[in-house]
Amino acid sequence: ANYNTSKTVLGVVVYITDGGEHGQIMAPWPIDESGNKSSASTSVEWGQSGDISTLPNYLGTAEIAARDYDSCGNTDKIVAAGDASAYPAAWATRYYAPTTETAGKWCLPAAGIMSNINSNQTIIQNGFAAMGGVLFPSCCPYSSTEYDKNNVWISLLNSTGNGPGLISSFKYISSDVRPVMEF
């Protein structure tokens, strides 16, 4: 809503803490495996099957997964578990650098961030459109939240915008990657 054309566009605020001091912004476009912005949906694999022991598993319902807001903490654990060939989606976010000041600060969003996008999708989509970004797809951008050793939580925007908007998916399926940055 407060897009300023005289400044470098970093993204749309997709989450704010209760106190309003911190939150996360999402890039207004998907990225490819090399961290380059794309003008259309891309296809990047999350990574290999196998449990990342330091990354909590959020088994069960989407409501449970929607409690995870630790985008950058999760991404740190994923990249520590293997290189870019093992975990392409997380590494792609680390390669993304729209400015030199933000290089290395971008992360794969946690399931709670994806849930928040679902609950506020009209406002967020309007923000992407205002800055010339690519609208968030109705299906399947990855989160950094692990379901179990073979699955992760992905975003599923529904038509009503109610509920978490999350489903579990195999890690080896290729999908969109939208980086977030904490502030």
C-alpha atoms as a PDB file:
ATOM      1  CA  ALA A   1       0.000   0.000   0.000  1.00  0.00           C
ATOM      2  CA  ASN A   2       2.945   2.344   0.639  1.00  0.00           C
ATOM      3  CA  TYR A   3       4.961   1.570  -2.482  1.00  0.00           C
ATOM      4  CA  ASN A   4       7.538   4.298  -3.158  1.00  0.00           C
ATOM      5  CA  THR A   5       8.850   4.313  -6.738  1.00  0.00           C
ATOM      6  CA  SER A   6      11.993   6.217  -5.707  1.00  0.00           C
ATOM      7  CA  LYS A   7      13.238   3.263  -3.624  1.00  0.00           C
ATOM      8  CA  THR A   8      14.496  -0.203  -4.486  1.00  0.00           C
ATOM      9  CA  VAL A   9      11.658  -2.707  -4.212  1.00  0.00           C
ATOM     10  CA  LEU A  10      12.509  -5.497  -1.804  1.00  0.00           C
ATOM     11  CA  GLY A  11       9.070  -7.006  -1.301  1.00  0.00           C
ATOM     12  CA  VAL A  12       5.721  -6.998   0.408  1.00  0.00           C
ATOM     13  CA  VAL A  13       5.317  -7.281   4.176  1.00  0.00           C
ATOM     14  CA  VAL A  14       3.670 -10.668   4.694  1.00  0.00           C
ATOM     15  CA  TYR A  15       3.980 -10.921   8.473  1.00  0.00           C
ATOM     16  CA  ILE A  16       4.325  -8.520  11.413  1.00  0.00           C
ATOM     17  CA  THR A  17       4.829  -9.523  15.042  1.00  0.00           C
ATOM     18  CA  ASP A  18       2.243  -8.456  17.605  1.00  0.00           C
ATOM     19  CA  GLY A  19       4.363  -5.493  18.685  1.00  0.00           C
ATOM     20  CA  GLY A  20       4.874  -4.447  15.083  1.00  0.00           C
ATOM     21  CA  GLU A  21       8.660  -4.148  15.485  1.00  0.00           C
ATOM     22  CA  HIS A  22       9.589  -7.248  13.523  1.00  0.00           C
ATOM     23  CA  GLY A  23       8.249  -9.253  10.644  1.00  0.00           C
ATOM     24  CA  GLN A  24       9.044 -10.674   7.256  1.00  0.00           C
ATOM     25  CA  ILE A  25       8.842  -9.393   3.709  1.00  0.00           C
ATOM     26  CA  MET A  26       8.463 -11.575   0.635  1.00  0.00           C
ATOM     27  CA  ALA A  27      10.105 -10.975  -2.717  1.00  0.00           C
ATOM     28  CA  PRO A  28       7.538  -9.878  -5.309  1.00  0.00           C
ATOM     29  CA  TRP A  29       8.585 -12.603  -7.751  1.00  0.00           C
ATOM     30  CA  PRO A  30       9.641 -16.232  -7.751  1.00  0.00           C
ATOM     31  CA  ILE A  31      13.310 -17.124  -8.107  1.00  0.00           C
ATOM     32  CA  ASP A  32      15.132 -19.826 -10.017  1.00  0.00           C
ATOM     33  CA  GLU A  33      17.703 -22.284  -8.656  1.00  0.00           C
ATOM     34  CA  SER A  34      20.476 -19.698  -9.036  1.00  0.00           C
ATOM     35  CA  GLY A  35      18.558 -17.108  -7.009  1.00  0.00           C
ATOM     36  CA  ASN A  36      17.639 -14.986 -10.035  1.00  0.00           C
ATOM     37  CA  LYS A  37      14.254 -13.314 -10.109  1.00  0.00           C
ATOM     38  CA  SER A  38      11.813 -14.688 -12.621  1.00  0.00           C
ATOM     39  CA  SER A  39       8.874 -13.064 -14.367  1.00  0.00           C
ATOM     40  CA  ALA A  40       6.869 -16.296 -14.227  1.00  0.00           C
ATOM     41  CA  SER A  41       6.481 -19.365 -12.058  1.00  0.00           C
ATOM     42  CA  THR A  42       9.637 -21.405 -11.729  1.00  0.00           C
ATOM     43  CA  SER A  43      10.300 -24.979 -10.829  1.00  0.00           C
ATOM     44  CA  VAL A  44      12.873 -25.709  -8.118  1.00  0.00           C
ATOM     45  CA  GLU A  45      13.161 -28.915  -6.127  1.00  0.00           C
ATOM     46  CA  TRP A  46      13.007 -28.565  -2.317  1.00  0.00           C
ATOM     47  CA  GLY A  47      15.571 -31.274  -1.819  1.00  0.00           C
ATOM     48  CA  GLN A  48      16.404 -34.828  -1.039  1.00  0.00           C
ATOM     49  CA  SER A  49      14.352 -37.111   1.163  1.00  0.00           C
ATOM     50  CA  GLY A  50      15.671 -37.868   4.599  1.00  0.00           C
ATOM     51  CA  ASP A  51      15.099 -36.218   7.922  1.00  0.00           C
ATOM     52  CA  ILE A  52      17.113 -33.117   8.773  1.00  0.00           C
ATOM     53  CA  SER A  53      17.631 -33.904  12.450  1.00  0.00           C
ATOM     54  CA  THR A  54      18.002 -30.271  13.545  1.00  0.00           C
ATOM     55  CA  LEU A  55      14.817 -29.183  11.726  1.00  0.00           C
ATOM     56  CA  PRO A  56      11.619 -29.820  13.719  1.00  0.00           C
ATOM     57  CA  ASN A  57       8.992 -32.021  12.069  1.00  0.00           C
ATOM     58  CA  TYR A  58       5.444 -30.642  12.089  1.00  0.00           C
ATOM     59  CA  LEU A  59       3.390 -33.817  11.757  1.00  0.00           C
ATOM     60  CA  GLY A  60      -0.368 -33.761  11.718  1.00  0.00           C
ATOM     61  CA  THR A  61      -2.580 -30.886  10.738  1.00  0.00           C
ATOM     62  CA  ALA A  62      -1.920 -27.703   8.823  1.00  0.00           C
ATOM     63  CA  GLU A  63      -2.925 -25.763  11.944  1.00  0.00           C
ATOM     64  CA  ILE A  64       0.066 -27.265  13.772  1.00  0.00           C
ATOM     65  CA  ALA A  65       2.456 -26.388  10.921  1.00  0.00           C
ATOM     66  CA  ALA A  66       1.048 -22.837  10.806  1.00  0.00           C
ATOM     67  CA  ARG A  67       2.665 -22.191  14.211  1.00  0.00           C
ATOM     68  CA  ASP A  68       6.134 -22.209  12.625  1.00  0.00           C
ATOM     69  CA  TYR A  69       7.396 -18.697  11.764  1.00  0.00           C
ATOM     70  CA  ASP A  70      11.136 -19.435  11.943  1.00  0.00           C
ATOM     71  CA  SER A  71      11.893 -18.922   8.242  1.00  0.00           C
ATOM     72  CA  CYS A  72      15.566 -18.035   8.582  1.00  0.00           C
ATOM     73  CA  GLY A  73      16.276 -20.439  11.440  1.00  0.00           C
ATOM     74  CA  ASN A  74      14.809 -23.272   9.369  1.00  0.00           C
ATOM     75  CA  THR A  75      16.762 -22.200   6.281  1.00  0.00           C
ATOM     76  CA  ASP A  76      19.989 -22.096   8.319  1.00  0.00           C
ATOM     77  CA  LYS A  77      19.381 -25.720   9.360  1.00  0.00           C
ATOM     78  CA  ILE A  78      18.598 -26.817   5.806  1.00  0.00           C
ATOM     79  CA  VAL A  79      21.704 -25.252   4.241  1.00  0.00           C
ATOM     80  CA  ALA A  80      23.857 -26.651   7.067  1.00  0.00           C
ATOM     81  CA  ALA A  81      22.537 -30.128   6.231  1.00  0.00           C
ATOM     82  CA  GLY A  82      23.796 -30.130   2.649  1.00  0.00           C
ATOM     83  CA  ASP A  83      24.904 -28.225  -0.421  1.00  0.00           C
ATOM     84  CA  ALA A  84      22.859 -26.690  -3.241  1.00  0.00           C
ATOM     85  CA  SER A  85      22.545 -30.002  -5.058  1.00  0.00           C
ATOM     86  CA  ALA A  86      21.001 -31.589  -1.938  1.00  0.00           C
ATOM     87  CA  TYR A  87      18.678 -28.690  -1.010  1.00  0.00           C
ATOM     88  CA  PRO A  88      18.192 -26.419  -4.052  1.00  0.00           C
ATOM     89  CA  ALA A  89      15.219 -24.382  -2.767  1.00  0.00           C
ATOM     90  CA  ALA A  90      16.896 -23.212   0.453  1.00  0.00           C
ATOM     91  CA  TRP A  91      20.162 -22.462  -1.314  1.00  0.00           C
ATOM     92  CA  ALA A  92      18.334 -20.506  -4.043  1.00  0.00           C
ATOM     93  CA  THR A  93      17.001 -18.145  -1.365  1.00  0.00           C
ATOM     94  CA  ARG A  94      20.517 -17.620  -0.019  1.00  0.00           C
ATOM     95  CA  TYR A  95      21.765 -16.808  -3.527  1.00  0.00           C
ATOM     96  CA  TYR A  96      18.993 -14.238  -4.046  1.00  0.00           C
ATOM     97  CA  ALA A  97      20.395 -10.707  -3.612  1.00  0.00           C
ATOM     98  CA  PRO A  98      18.359  -7.798  -5.002  1.00  0.00           C
ATOM     99  CA  THR A  99      20.802  -5.444  -3.227  1.00  0.00           C
ATOM    100  CA  THR A 100      24.307  -5.954  -1.869  1.00  0.00           C
ATOM    101  CA  GLU A 101      23.023  -5.064   1.618  1.00  0.00           C
ATOM    102  CA  THR A 102      20.534  -7.963   1.597  1.00  0.00           C
ATOM    103  CA  ALA A 103      22.809 -10.650   0.142  1.00  0.00           C
ATOM    104  CA  GLY A 104      22.678 -13.822   2.232  1.00  0.00           C
ATOM    105  CA  LYS A 105      19.743 -12.587   4.326  1.00  0.00           C
ATOM    106  CA  TRP A 106      16.918 -14.177   2.333  1.00  0.00           C
ATOM    107  CA  CYS A 107      15.235 -17.377   3.479  1.00  0.00           C
ATOM    108  CA  LEU A 108      12.701 -20.004   2.535  1.00  0.00           C
ATOM    109  CA  PRO A 109       9.441 -18.980   4.272  1.00  0.00           C
ATOM    110  CA  ALA A 110       8.147 -21.052   7.177  1.00  0.00           C
ATOM    111  CA  ALA A 111       4.658 -22.583   7.064  1.00  0.00           C
ATOM    112  CA  GLY A 112       3.277 -19.912   9.414  1.00  0.00           C
ATOM    113  CA  ILE A 113       4.277 -17.223   6.924  1.00  0.00           C
ATOM    114  CA  MET A 114       2.519 -19.124   4.141  1.00  0.00           C
ATOM    115  CA  SER A 115      -0.568 -19.421   6.331  1.00  0.00           C
ATOM    116  CA  ASN A 116      -0.486 -15.678   6.999  1.00  0.00           C
ATOM    117  CA  ILE A 117      -0.318 -15.048   3.246  1.00  0.00           C
ATOM    118  CA  ASN A 118      -3.396 -17.217   2.771  1.00  0.00           C
ATOM    119  CA  SER A 119      -5.292 -15.225   5.399  1.00  0.00           C
ATOM    120  CA  ASN A 120      -4.280 -11.895   3.811  1.00  0.00           C
ATOM    121  CA  GLN A 121      -3.968 -12.882   0.176  1.00  0.00           C
ATOM    122  CA  THR A 122      -5.919  -9.990  -1.368  1.00  0.00           C
ATOM    123  CA  ILE A 123      -3.801  -7.319   0.337  1.00  0.00           C
ATOM    124  CA  ILE A 124      -0.555  -9.162  -0.452  1.00  0.00           C
ATOM    125  CA  GLN A 125      -1.503  -9.807  -4.084  1.00  0.00           C
ATOM    126  CA  ASN A 126      -2.387  -6.105  -4.459  1.00  0.00           C
ATOM    127  CA  GLY A 127       1.068  -5.221  -3.111  1.00  0.00           C
ATOM    128  CA  PHE A 128       2.773  -7.514  -5.623  1.00  0.00           C
ATOM    129  CA  ALA A 129       0.715  -6.001  -8.446  1.00  0.00           C
ATOM    130  CA  ALA A 130       1.461  -2.408  -7.367  1.00  0.00           C
ATOM    131  CA  MET A 131       5.203  -2.984  -7.553  1.00  0.00           C
ATOM    132  CA  GLY A 132       5.107  -4.873 -10.835  1.00  0.00           C
ATOM    133  CA  GLY A 133       5.723  -8.234  -9.233  1.00  0.00           C
ATOM    134  CA  VAL A 134       4.387 -11.658 -10.132  1.00  0.00           C
ATOM    135  CA  LEU A 135       1.171 -12.629  -8.356  1.00  0.00           C
ATOM    136  CA  PHE A 136       1.492 -15.385  -5.787  1.00  0.00           C
ATOM    137  CA  PRO A 137       0.339 -18.656  -7.402  1.00  0.00           C
ATOM    138  CA  SER A 138      -2.704 -20.494  -6.124  1.00  0.00           C
ATOM    139  CA  CYS A 139      -0.669 -23.622  -5.602  1.00  0.00           C
ATOM    140  CA  CYS A 140       2.393 -24.911  -4.102  1.00  0.00           C
ATOM    141  CA  PRO A 141       5.283 -22.571  -3.255  1.00  0.00           C
ATOM    142  CA  TYR A 142       7.560 -24.269  -0.750  1.00  0.00           C
ATOM    143  CA  SER A 143       7.954 -23.548   2.937  1.00  0.00           C
ATOM    144  CA  SER A 144      10.999 -24.351   5.057  1.00  0.00           C
ATOM    145  CA  THR A 145       8.820 -26.357   7.448  1.00  0.00           C
ATOM    146  CA  GLU A 146       9.436 -30.082   7.367  1.00  0.00           C
ATOM    147  CA  TYR A 147       6.469 -32.440   7.763  1.00  0.00           C
ATOM    148  CA  ASP A 148       8.558 -35.593   8.061  1.00  0.00           C
ATOM    149  CA  LYS A 149      11.600 -37.176   6.422  1.00  0.00           C
ATOM    150  CA  ASN A 150       9.975 -37.279   2.977  1.00  0.00           C
ATOM    151  CA  ASN A 151       7.598 -34.303   2.998  1.00  0.00           C
ATOM    152  CA  VAL A 152       7.435 -30.561   3.562  1.00  0.00           C
ATOM    153  CA  TRP A 153       4.575 -28.099   3.906  1.00  0.00           C
ATOM    154  CA  ILE A 154       3.619 -26.116   0.809  1.00  0.00           C
ATOM    155  CA  SER A 155       1.223 -23.236   0.270  1.00  0.00           C
ATOM    156  CA  LEU A 156      -2.213 -23.841  -1.174  1.00  0.00           C
ATOM    157  CA  LEU A 157      -4.122 -20.585  -1.479  1.00  0.00           C
ATOM    158  CA  ASN A 158      -7.799 -21.367  -1.426  1.00  0.00           C
ATOM    159  CA  SER A 159     -10.579 -19.314  -2.921  1.00  0.00           C
ATOM    160  CA  THR A 160     -11.936 -18.100   0.414  1.00  0.00           C
ATOM    161  CA  GLY A 161      -8.694 -17.156   2.137  1.00  0.00           C
ATOM    162  CA  ASN A 162      -9.742 -19.034   5.269  1.00  0.00           C
ATOM    163  CA  GLY A 163      -7.608 -21.514   7.145  1.00  0.00           C
ATOM    164  CA  PRO A 164      -3.911 -22.198   6.953  1.00  0.00           C
ATOM    165  CA  GLY A 165      -3.824 -22.949   3.226  1.00  0.00           C
ATOM    166  CA  LEU A 166      -1.124 -25.599   3.700  1.00  0.00           C
ATOM    167  CA  ILE A 167      -0.714 -29.157   2.473  1.00  0.00           C
ATOM    168  CA  SER A 168       2.184 -31.581   2.736  1.00  0.00           C
ATOM    169  CA  SER A 169       4.099 -32.567  -0.386  1.00  0.00           C
ATOM    170  CA  PHE A 170       7.070 -34.720  -1.309  1.00  0.00           C
ATOM    171  CA  LYS A 171      10.424 -32.943  -1.051  1.00  0.00           C
ATOM    172  CA  TYR A 172      11.506 -34.013  -4.529  1.00  0.00           C
ATOM    173  CA  ILE A 173       8.589 -32.332  -6.343  1.00  0.00           C
ATOM    174  CA  SER A 174       9.631 -29.101  -8.092  1.00  0.00           C
ATOM    175  CA  SER A 175       7.696 -25.953  -7.266  1.00  0.00           C
ATOM    176  CA  ASP A 176       7.889 -22.165  -6.848  1.00  0.00           C
ATOM    177  CA  VAL A 177      10.333 -20.572  -4.423  1.00  0.00           C
ATOM    178  CA  ARG A 178       9.567 -17.135  -2.963  1.00  0.00           C
ATOM    179  CA  PRO A 179      12.235 -15.817  -0.597  1.00  0.00           C
ATOM    180  CA  VAL A 180      11.476 -13.877   2.567  1.00  0.00           C
ATOM    181  CA  MET A 181      13.678 -11.631   4.671  1.00  0.00           C
ATOM    182  CA  GLU A 182      13.217 -10.962   8.376  1.00  0.00           C
ATOM    183  CA  PHE A 183      13.284  -7.430   9.762  1.00  0.00           C
END
